[in-house]
Amino acid sequence: MDVQNAFLHGNLNEEVYMKMPPGFASENPGKVCRLHDLIISGNDAMAVQKFKNYLSSCFHMKDLGRLKYFLGIEVARNAEGIFLSKTPLEQNHKLALIEGEDAHDPAQYRRLVGRLIYLTITRPELSYCVHVLAQFMQQPKKGHWEAALRVSDLNLYAYCDSDWASCPLTRRSVTGYFICLGTSPVSWKTKKQQTVSRSSAEAEYRSMTTASCELKWLKGLLRFLGVDHSRSMRLSVIIICFT
């Protein structure tokens, strides 16, 4: 369900609020949460529909139908029931049966899992896989470390573009890039290029060069912080064509 007045041009003047969840009320006395969306679930279809009708009589509500995606969790249904996707961890994993060499630095594994536990506060879809990984804190194997890295996604992804001859005075192009560590943005910049590019292709290459330099610097920074980024860094060039 969706509350219509959560949008910019809602039809209601009222705002919908709810009490703070347990654990947050003591830290935020006197505060409430402003409601945007809500999920209604239950094993009695008639009771659910009755409750939805009641909400619609009190507020201007919109029924979004069956739940498909919420807070990064994909919901699928079949004759056997409801399934929640857990893509951060491989399907049919056998982490409890992993054998072989121990992790190079068990303390590093514990620190990583500890950070992931903290991350579940804002990323609830990671709760299951973090719970599984936390079971091997005492003696983690190399396979456990690799599974933890899959969840954290410490790969660098970059996107760059250029605006050819955008300055009407100097005819210099503008470079722009945006770099993410996993799904978190860590570096971005827009700057006028130092020289005039005679073609849009040349401007794009200059933009790629600037983004590549930033990627190499970030990779060195991660190595300094103890994060070994051994995989290739991905650089995507955004090109808009007009016909």
C-alpha atoms as a PDB file:
ATOM      1  CA  MET A   1       0.000   0.000   0.000  1.00  0.00           C
ATOM      2  CA  ASP A   2       1.090   3.560  -0.636  1.00  0.00           C
ATOM      3  CA  VAL A   3      -0.077   6.751   1.075  1.00  0.00           C
ATOM      4  CA  GLN A   4      -0.948   9.266  -1.624  1.00  0.00           C
ATOM      5  CA  ASN A   5       0.100  12.292   0.393  1.00  0.00           C
ATOM      6  CA  ALA A   6       3.674  10.989   0.479  1.00  0.00           C
ATOM      7  CA  PHE A   7       4.104  12.383  -3.032  1.00  0.00           C
ATOM      8  CA  LEU A   8       4.792  15.981  -3.916  1.00  0.00           C
ATOM      9  CA  HIS A   9       1.338  16.616  -5.386  1.00  0.00           C
ATOM     10  CA  GLY A  10      -0.715  14.540  -2.935  1.00  0.00           C
ATOM     11  CA  ASN A  11      -4.422  15.139  -2.470  1.00  0.00           C
ATOM     12  CA  LEU A  12      -4.339  15.171   1.351  1.00  0.00           C
ATOM     13  CA  ASN A  13      -3.193  17.850   3.739  1.00  0.00           C
ATOM     14  CA  GLU A  14      -2.650  15.326   6.537  1.00  0.00           C
ATOM     15  CA  GLU A  15       0.633  13.545   7.165  1.00  0.00           C
ATOM     16  CA  VAL A  16       0.702   9.982   8.463  1.00  0.00           C
ATOM     17  CA  TYR A  17       3.005   9.109  11.371  1.00  0.00           C
ATOM     18  CA  MET A  18       3.779   5.963  13.359  1.00  0.00           C
ATOM     19  CA  LYS A  19       5.420   5.181  16.686  1.00  0.00           C
ATOM     20  CA  MET A  20       9.152   4.550  16.779  1.00  0.00           C
ATOM     21  CA  PRO A  21      10.105   0.834  16.553  1.00  0.00           C
ATOM     22  CA  PRO A  22      11.422  -0.884  19.704  1.00  0.00           C
ATOM     23  CA  GLY A  23      15.074  -0.034  20.256  1.00  0.00           C
ATOM     24  CA  PHE A  24      14.756   3.395  18.653  1.00  0.00           C
ATOM     25  CA  ALA A  25      12.145   4.906  20.980  1.00  0.00           C
ATOM     26  CA  SER A  26      14.526   5.050  23.965  1.00  0.00           C
ATOM     27  CA  GLU A  27      17.199   6.803  21.892  1.00  0.00           C
ATOM     28  CA  ASN A  28      14.734   9.259  20.315  1.00  0.00           C
ATOM     29  CA  PRO A  29      12.213  10.236  23.013  1.00  0.00           C
ATOM     30  CA  GLY A  30       9.247  12.232  21.810  1.00  0.00           C
ATOM     31  CA  LYS A  31       9.873  11.482  18.115  1.00  0.00           C
ATOM     32  CA  VAL A  32       7.797   9.558  15.571  1.00  0.00           C
ATOM     33  CA  CYS A  33       8.341   8.185  12.049  1.00  0.00           C
ATOM     34  CA  ARG A  34       6.726   9.739   9.010  1.00  0.00           C
ATOM     35  CA  LEU A  35       5.054   7.044   6.940  1.00  0.00           C
ATOM     36  CA  HIS A  36       5.685   6.709   3.187  1.00  0.00           C
ATOM     37  CA  ASP A  37       4.895   3.081   2.232  1.00  0.00           C
ATOM     38  CA  LEU A  38       3.651   0.022   4.104  1.00  0.00           C
ATOM     39  CA  ILE A  39       3.365  -3.739   3.653  1.00  0.00           C
ATOM     40  CA  ILE A  40       0.310  -5.628   4.857  1.00  0.00           C
ATOM     41  CA  SER A  41       0.637  -9.381   5.339  1.00  0.00           C
ATOM     42  CA  GLY A  42      -1.400 -12.120   6.970  1.00  0.00           C
ATOM     43  CA  ASN A  43      -2.799 -15.625   6.556  1.00  0.00           C
ATOM     44  CA  ASP A  44      -6.430 -14.454   6.358  1.00  0.00           C
ATOM     45  CA  ALA A  45      -7.214 -12.832   3.002  1.00  0.00           C
ATOM     46  CA  MET A  46     -10.560 -11.477   4.193  1.00  0.00           C
ATOM     47  CA  ALA A  47      -9.014  -9.850   7.271  1.00  0.00           C
ATOM     48  CA  VAL A  48      -6.288  -8.277   5.134  1.00  0.00           C
ATOM     49  CA  GLN A  49      -8.836  -6.874   2.695  1.00  0.00           C
ATOM     50  CA  LYS A  50     -10.960  -5.553   5.567  1.00  0.00           C
ATOM     51  CA  PHE A  51      -7.960  -3.755   7.015  1.00  0.00           C
ATOM     52  CA  LYS A  52      -7.088  -2.281   3.614  1.00  0.00           C
ATOM     53  CA  ASN A  53     -10.643  -1.027   3.211  1.00  0.00           C
ATOM     54  CA  TYR A  54     -10.441   0.578   6.650  1.00  0.00           C
ATOM     55  CA  LEU A  55      -7.214   2.393   5.763  1.00  0.00           C
ATOM     56  CA  SER A  56      -8.725   3.588   2.480  1.00  0.00           C
ATOM     57  CA  SER A  57     -11.698   5.024   4.382  1.00  0.00           C
ATOM     58  CA  CYS A  58      -9.350   7.016   6.649  1.00  0.00           C
ATOM     59  CA  PHE A  59      -6.708   8.084   4.140  1.00  0.00           C
ATOM     60  CA  HIS A  60      -6.273   8.350   0.402  1.00  0.00           C
ATOM     61  CA  MET A  61      -4.507   5.025  -0.177  1.00  0.00           C
ATOM     62  CA  LYS A  62      -3.251   3.287  -3.303  1.00  0.00           C
ATOM     63  CA  ASP A  63      -3.108  -0.493  -3.535  1.00  0.00           C
ATOM     64  CA  LEU A  64       0.154  -1.452  -5.291  1.00  0.00           C
ATOM     65  CA  GLY A  65      -0.843  -5.106  -5.562  1.00  0.00           C
ATOM     66  CA  ARG A  66       1.311  -8.056  -4.585  1.00  0.00           C
ATOM     67  CA  LEU A  67       4.713  -7.304  -3.136  1.00  0.00           C
ATOM     68  CA  LYS A  68       7.521  -7.775  -5.669  1.00  0.00           C
ATOM     69  CA  TYR A  69      10.442  -5.677  -4.463  1.00  0.00           C
ATOM     70  CA  PHE A  70      11.088  -3.866  -1.183  1.00  0.00           C
ATOM     71  CA  LEU A  71      14.268  -2.597   0.533  1.00  0.00           C
ATOM     72  CA  GLY A  72      16.482  -4.460  -1.908  1.00  0.00           C
ATOM     73  CA  ILE A  73      14.670  -7.783  -1.403  1.00  0.00           C
ATOM     74  CA  GLU A  74      13.010  -9.435  -4.396  1.00  0.00           C
ATOM     75  CA  VAL A  75       9.859 -11.413  -3.579  1.00  0.00           C
ATOM     76  CA  ALA A  76       8.829 -14.364  -5.779  1.00  0.00           C
ATOM     77  CA  ARG A  77       5.818 -16.676  -5.488  1.00  0.00           C
ATOM     78  CA  ASN A  78       4.849 -20.109  -6.735  1.00  0.00           C
ATOM     79  CA  ALA A  79       2.627 -22.965  -5.655  1.00  0.00           C
ATOM     80  CA  GLU A  80       4.982 -23.877  -2.809  1.00  0.00           C
ATOM     81  CA  GLY A  81       5.014 -20.463  -1.159  1.00  0.00           C
ATOM     82  CA  ILE A  82       6.857 -17.146  -1.050  1.00  0.00           C
ATOM     83  CA  PHE A  83      10.595 -16.858  -1.651  1.00  0.00           C
ATOM     84  CA  LEU A  84      12.937 -13.970  -0.803  1.00  0.00           C
ATOM     85  CA  SER A  85      16.038 -13.636  -2.959  1.00  0.00           C
ATOM     86  CA  LYS A  86      19.400 -13.658  -1.177  1.00  0.00           C
ATOM     87  CA  THR A  87      21.743 -12.746  -3.998  1.00  0.00           C
ATOM     88  CA  PRO A  88      24.668 -11.532  -1.818  1.00  0.00           C
ATOM     89  CA  LEU A  89      25.326 -15.202  -0.991  1.00  0.00           C
ATOM     90  CA  GLU A  90      25.524 -18.027  -3.504  1.00  0.00           C
ATOM     91  CA  GLN A  91      22.510 -20.292  -3.746  1.00  0.00           C
ATOM     92  CA  ASN A  92      22.803 -23.745  -2.143  1.00  0.00           C
ATOM     93  CA  HIS A  93      25.955 -22.642  -0.357  1.00  0.00           C
ATOM     94  CA  LYS A  94      27.871 -25.179   1.763  1.00  0.00           C
ATOM     95  CA  LEU A  95      29.824 -22.824   4.017  1.00  0.00           C
ATOM     96  CA  ALA A  96      29.415 -25.114   7.013  1.00  0.00           C
ATOM     97  CA  LEU A  97      31.168 -27.925   5.096  1.00  0.00           C
ATOM     98  CA  ILE A  98      34.098 -25.893   3.754  1.00  0.00           C
ATOM     99  CA  GLU A  99      37.488 -27.522   4.280  1.00  0.00           C
ATOM    100  CA  GLY A 100      41.003 -26.608   3.231  1.00  0.00           C
ATOM    101  CA  GLU A 101      43.409 -23.928   4.340  1.00  0.00           C
ATOM    102  CA  ASP A 102      42.506 -21.440   7.009  1.00  0.00           C
ATOM    103  CA  ALA A 103      41.985 -17.783   6.243  1.00  0.00           C
ATOM    104  CA  HIS A 104      45.246 -15.837   5.985  1.00  0.00           C
ATOM    105  CA  ASP A 105      44.216 -13.399   8.731  1.00  0.00           C
ATOM    106  CA  PRO A 106      41.276 -14.552  10.928  1.00  0.00           C
ATOM    107  CA  ALA A 107      41.213 -11.175  12.674  1.00  0.00           C
ATOM    108  CA  GLN A 108      40.645  -9.461   9.325  1.00  0.00           C
ATOM    109  CA  TYR A 109      37.679 -11.780   8.669  1.00  0.00           C
ATOM    110  CA  ARG A 110      36.189 -10.927  12.060  1.00  0.00           C
ATOM    111  CA  ARG A 111      36.566  -7.204  11.418  1.00  0.00           C
ATOM    112  CA  LEU A 112      34.877  -7.521   8.016  1.00  0.00           C
ATOM    113  CA  VAL A 113      31.935  -9.505   9.394  1.00  0.00           C
ATOM    114  CA  GLY A 114      31.625  -7.003  12.244  1.00  0.00           C
ATOM    115  CA  ARG A 115      31.305  -4.178   9.731  1.00  0.00           C
ATOM    116  CA  LEU A 116      28.705  -6.178   7.791  1.00  0.00           C
ATOM    117  CA  ILE A 117      26.690  -6.664  10.984  1.00  0.00           C
ATOM    118  CA  TYR A 118      26.671  -2.896  11.435  1.00  0.00           C
ATOM    119  CA  LEU A 119      25.659  -2.490   7.784  1.00  0.00           C
ATOM    120  CA  THR A 120      22.500  -4.601   8.276  1.00  0.00           C
ATOM    121  CA  ILE A 121      20.969  -1.680  10.184  1.00  0.00           C
ATOM    122  CA  THR A 122      20.417   0.089   6.856  1.00  0.00           C
ATOM    123  CA  ARG A 123      20.651  -2.975   4.560  1.00  0.00           C
ATOM    124  CA  PRO A 124      18.214  -5.531   6.071  1.00  0.00           C
ATOM    125  CA  GLU A 125      18.427  -7.714   2.954  1.00  0.00           C
ATOM    126  CA  LEU A 126      21.951  -8.707   4.077  1.00  0.00           C
ATOM    127  CA  SER A 127      20.788 -10.081   7.436  1.00  0.00           C
ATOM    128  CA  TYR A 128      20.631 -13.742   6.383  1.00  0.00           C
ATOM    129  CA  CYS A 129      24.059 -13.968   4.733  1.00  0.00           C
ATOM    130  CA  VAL A 130      25.734 -11.981   7.532  1.00  0.00           C
ATOM    131  CA  HIS A 131      24.137 -14.326  10.072  1.00  0.00           C
ATOM    132  CA  VAL A 132      25.618 -17.306   8.208  1.00  0.00           C
ATOM    133  CA  LEU A 133      29.095 -15.774   7.953  1.00  0.00           C
ATOM    134  CA  ALA A 134      29.113 -14.838  11.643  1.00  0.00           C
ATOM    135  CA  GLN A 135      29.014 -18.542  12.567  1.00  0.00           C
ATOM    136  CA  PHE A 136      32.639 -19.029  11.466  1.00  0.00           C
ATOM    137  CA  MET A 137      34.348 -16.253  13.410  1.00  0.00           C
ATOM    138  CA  GLN A 138      36.403 -18.691  15.525  1.00  0.00           C
ATOM    139  CA  GLN A 139      38.294 -20.425  12.709  1.00  0.00           C
ATOM    140  CA  PRO A 140      37.374 -19.017   9.271  1.00  0.00           C
ATOM    141  CA  LYS A 141      38.540 -20.788   6.123  1.00  0.00           C
ATOM    142  CA  LYS A 142      39.645 -19.187   2.890  1.00  0.00           C
ATOM    143  CA  GLY A 143      36.225 -19.983   1.388  1.00  0.00           C
ATOM    144  CA  HIS A 144      34.503 -18.073   4.199  1.00  0.00           C
ATOM    145  CA  TRP A 145      36.686 -15.036   3.485  1.00  0.00           C
ATOM    146  CA  GLU A 146      35.806 -15.166  -0.229  1.00  0.00           C
ATOM    147  CA  ALA A 147      32.085 -15.435   0.618  1.00  0.00           C
ATOM    148  CA  ALA A 148      32.358 -12.396   2.911  1.00  0.00           C
ATOM    149  CA  LEU A 149      34.032 -10.405   0.141  1.00  0.00           C
ATOM    150  CA  ARG A 150      31.151 -11.308  -2.174  1.00  0.00           C
ATOM    151  CA  VAL A 151      28.706  -9.740   0.281  1.00  0.00           C
ATOM    152  CA  SER A 152      30.740  -6.591   0.826  1.00  0.00           C
ATOM    153  CA  ASP A 153      31.575  -6.113  -2.886  1.00  0.00           C
ATOM    154  CA  LEU A 154      34.823  -4.180  -2.569  1.00  0.00           C
ATOM    155  CA  ASN A 155      35.174  -3.719  -6.326  1.00  0.00           C
ATOM    156  CA  LEU A 156      35.613  -0.318  -7.946  1.00  0.00           C
ATOM    157  CA  TYR A 157      33.191   0.785 -10.667  1.00  0.00           C
ATOM    158  CA  ALA A 158      33.614   4.023 -12.597  1.00  0.00           C
ATOM    159  CA  TYR A 159      31.404   5.947 -15.026  1.00  0.00           C
ATOM    160  CA  CYS A 160      32.697   8.853 -17.074  1.00  0.00           C
ATOM    161  CA  ASP A 161      31.465  11.234 -19.739  1.00  0.00           C
ATOM    162  CA  SER A 162      32.494  14.439 -21.482  1.00  0.00           C
ATOM    163  CA  ASP A 163      30.639  17.460 -22.823  1.00  0.00           C
ATOM    164  CA  TRP A 164      32.517  18.403 -25.988  1.00  0.00           C
ATOM    165  CA  ALA A 165      33.365  22.107 -26.447  1.00  0.00           C
ATOM    166  CA  SER A 166      30.746  23.121 -23.909  1.00  0.00           C
ATOM    167  CA  CYS A 167      32.492  26.343 -22.876  1.00  0.00           C
ATOM    168  CA  PRO A 168      31.425  29.085 -25.344  1.00  0.00           C
ATOM    169  CA  LEU A 169      34.473  31.216 -24.526  1.00  0.00           C
ATOM    170  CA  THR A 170      37.376  28.756 -24.564  1.00  0.00           C
ATOM    171  CA  ARG A 171      35.694  25.874 -26.442  1.00  0.00           C
ATOM    172  CA  ARG A 172      37.128  23.500 -23.875  1.00  0.00           C
ATOM    173  CA  SER A 173      35.250  20.314 -23.003  1.00  0.00           C
ATOM    174  CA  VAL A 174      34.048  19.247 -19.565  1.00  0.00           C
ATOM    175  CA  THR A 175      35.020  15.933 -17.953  1.00  0.00           C
ATOM    176  CA  GLY A 176      32.789  14.205 -15.439  1.00  0.00           C
ATOM    177  CA  TYR A 177      33.215  10.912 -13.577  1.00  0.00           C
ATOM    178  CA  PHE A 178      31.466   8.998 -10.813  1.00  0.00           C
ATOM    179  CA  ILE A 179      33.159   6.112  -8.931  1.00  0.00           C
ATOM    180  CA  CYS A 180      31.553   3.566  -6.618  1.00  0.00           C
ATOM    181  CA  LEU A 181      33.055   1.059  -4.177  1.00  0.00           C
ATOM    182  CA  GLY A 182      30.497  -1.690  -4.509  1.00  0.00           C
ATOM    183  CA  THR A 183      27.200   0.180  -4.435  1.00  0.00           C
ATOM    184  CA  SER A 184      28.518   3.153  -2.433  1.00  0.00           C
ATOM    185  CA  PRO A 185      29.677   6.315  -4.241  1.00  0.00           C
ATOM    186  CA  VAL A 186      33.168   7.294  -3.050  1.00  0.00           C
ATOM    187  CA  SER A 187      34.453   9.819  -5.609  1.00  0.00           C
ATOM    188  CA  TRP A 188      32.938  12.139  -8.208  1.00  0.00           C
ATOM    189  CA  LYS A 189      34.087  15.225 -10.068  1.00  0.00           C
ATOM    190  CA  THR A 190      33.222  17.600 -12.897  1.00  0.00           C
ATOM    191  CA  LYS A 191      36.034  19.731 -14.315  1.00  0.00           C
ATOM    192  CA  LYS A 192      36.849  21.664 -17.460  1.00  0.00           C
ATOM    193  CA  GLN A 193      39.548  19.965 -19.535  1.00  0.00           C
ATOM    194  CA  GLN A 194      42.929  21.722 -19.713  1.00  0.00           C
ATOM    195  CA  THR A 195      43.229  21.697 -23.509  1.00  0.00           C
ATOM    196  CA  VAL A 196      40.856  22.020 -26.450  1.00  0.00           C
ATOM    197  CA  SER A 197      39.741  18.714 -27.986  1.00  0.00           C
ATOM    198  CA  ARG A 198      39.312  18.757 -31.745  1.00  0.00           C
ATOM    199  CA  SER A 199      36.662  16.024 -31.702  1.00  0.00           C
ATOM    200  CA  SER A 200      34.143  14.485 -29.322  1.00  0.00           C
ATOM    201  CA  ALA A 201      36.124  11.215 -29.419  1.00  0.00           C
ATOM    202  CA  GLU A 202      39.226  13.004 -28.191  1.00  0.00           C
ATOM    203  CA  ALA A 203      37.230  14.588 -25.394  1.00  0.00           C
ATOM    204  CA  GLU A 204      35.922  11.147 -24.374  1.00  0.00           C
ATOM    205  CA  TYR A 205      39.445   9.716 -24.262  1.00  0.00           C
ATOM    206  CA  ARG A 206      40.572  12.581 -22.039  1.00  0.00           C
ATOM    207  CA  SER A 207      37.616  11.873 -19.763  1.00  0.00           C
ATOM    208  CA  MET A 208      38.560   8.180 -19.600  1.00  0.00           C
ATOM    209  CA  THR A 209      42.154   9.126 -18.757  1.00  0.00           C
ATOM    210  CA  THR A 210      41.065  11.312 -15.849  1.00  0.00           C
ATOM    211  CA  ALA A 211      38.750   8.608 -14.478  1.00  0.00           C
ATOM    212  CA  SER A 212      41.474   5.957 -14.861  1.00  0.00           C
ATOM    213  CA  CYS A 213      43.926   8.064 -12.857  1.00  0.00           C
ATOM    214  CA  GLU A 214      41.367   8.394 -10.074  1.00  0.00           C
ATOM    215  CA  LEU A 215      40.739   4.627 -10.134  1.00  0.00           C
ATOM    216  CA  LYS A 216      44.453   3.887  -9.773  1.00  0.00           C
ATOM    217  CA  TRP A 217      44.720   6.329  -6.882  1.00  0.00           C
ATOM    218  CA  LEU A 218      41.731   4.756  -5.107  1.00  0.00           C
ATOM    219  CA  LYS A 219      43.182   1.277  -5.623  1.00  0.00           C
ATOM    220  CA  GLY A 220      46.401   2.413  -3.969  1.00  0.00           C
ATOM    221  CA  LEU A 221      44.429   3.965  -1.129  1.00  0.00           C
ATOM    222  CA  LEU A 222      42.544   0.702  -0.552  1.00  0.00           C
ATOM    223  CA  ARG A 223      45.844  -1.200  -0.484  1.00  0.00           C
ATOM    224  CA  PHE A 224      47.166   1.269   2.103  1.00  0.00           C
ATOM    225  CA  LEU A 225      44.045   0.591   4.220  1.00  0.00           C
ATOM    226  CA  GLY A 226      44.619  -3.171   4.028  1.00  0.00           C
ATOM    227  CA  VAL A 227      42.080  -3.989   1.298  1.00  0.00           C
ATOM    228  CA  ASP A 228      43.574  -6.061  -1.523  1.00  0.00           C
ATOM    229  CA  HIS A 229      41.751  -5.115  -4.713  1.00  0.00           C
ATOM    230  CA  SER A 230      43.067  -7.826  -7.036  1.00  0.00           C
ATOM    231  CA  ARG A 231      40.198  -7.782  -9.543  1.00  0.00           C
ATOM    232  CA  SER A 232      39.960  -5.597 -12.619  1.00  0.00           C
ATOM    233  CA  MET A 233      38.356  -2.187 -12.199  1.00  0.00           C
ATOM    234  CA  ARG A 234      35.374  -1.503 -14.439  1.00  0.00           C
ATOM    235  CA  LEU A 235      35.213   1.765 -16.383  1.00  0.00           C
ATOM    236  CA  SER A 236      32.016   2.556 -18.289  1.00  0.00           C
ATOM    237  CA  VAL A 237      31.894   5.422 -20.763  1.00  0.00           C
ATOM    238  CA  ILE A 238      28.542   7.143 -21.169  1.00  0.00           C
ATOM    239  CA  ILE A 239      28.001   8.193 -24.776  1.00  0.00           C
ATOM    240  CA  ILE A 240      24.858   9.923 -26.013  1.00  0.00           C
ATOM    241  CA  CYS A 241      24.282   9.803 -29.780  1.00  0.00           C
ATOM    242  CA  PHE A 242      21.893  12.109 -31.638  1.00  0.00           C
ATOM    243  CA  THR A 243      20.388  11.097 -34.985  1.00  0.00           C
END
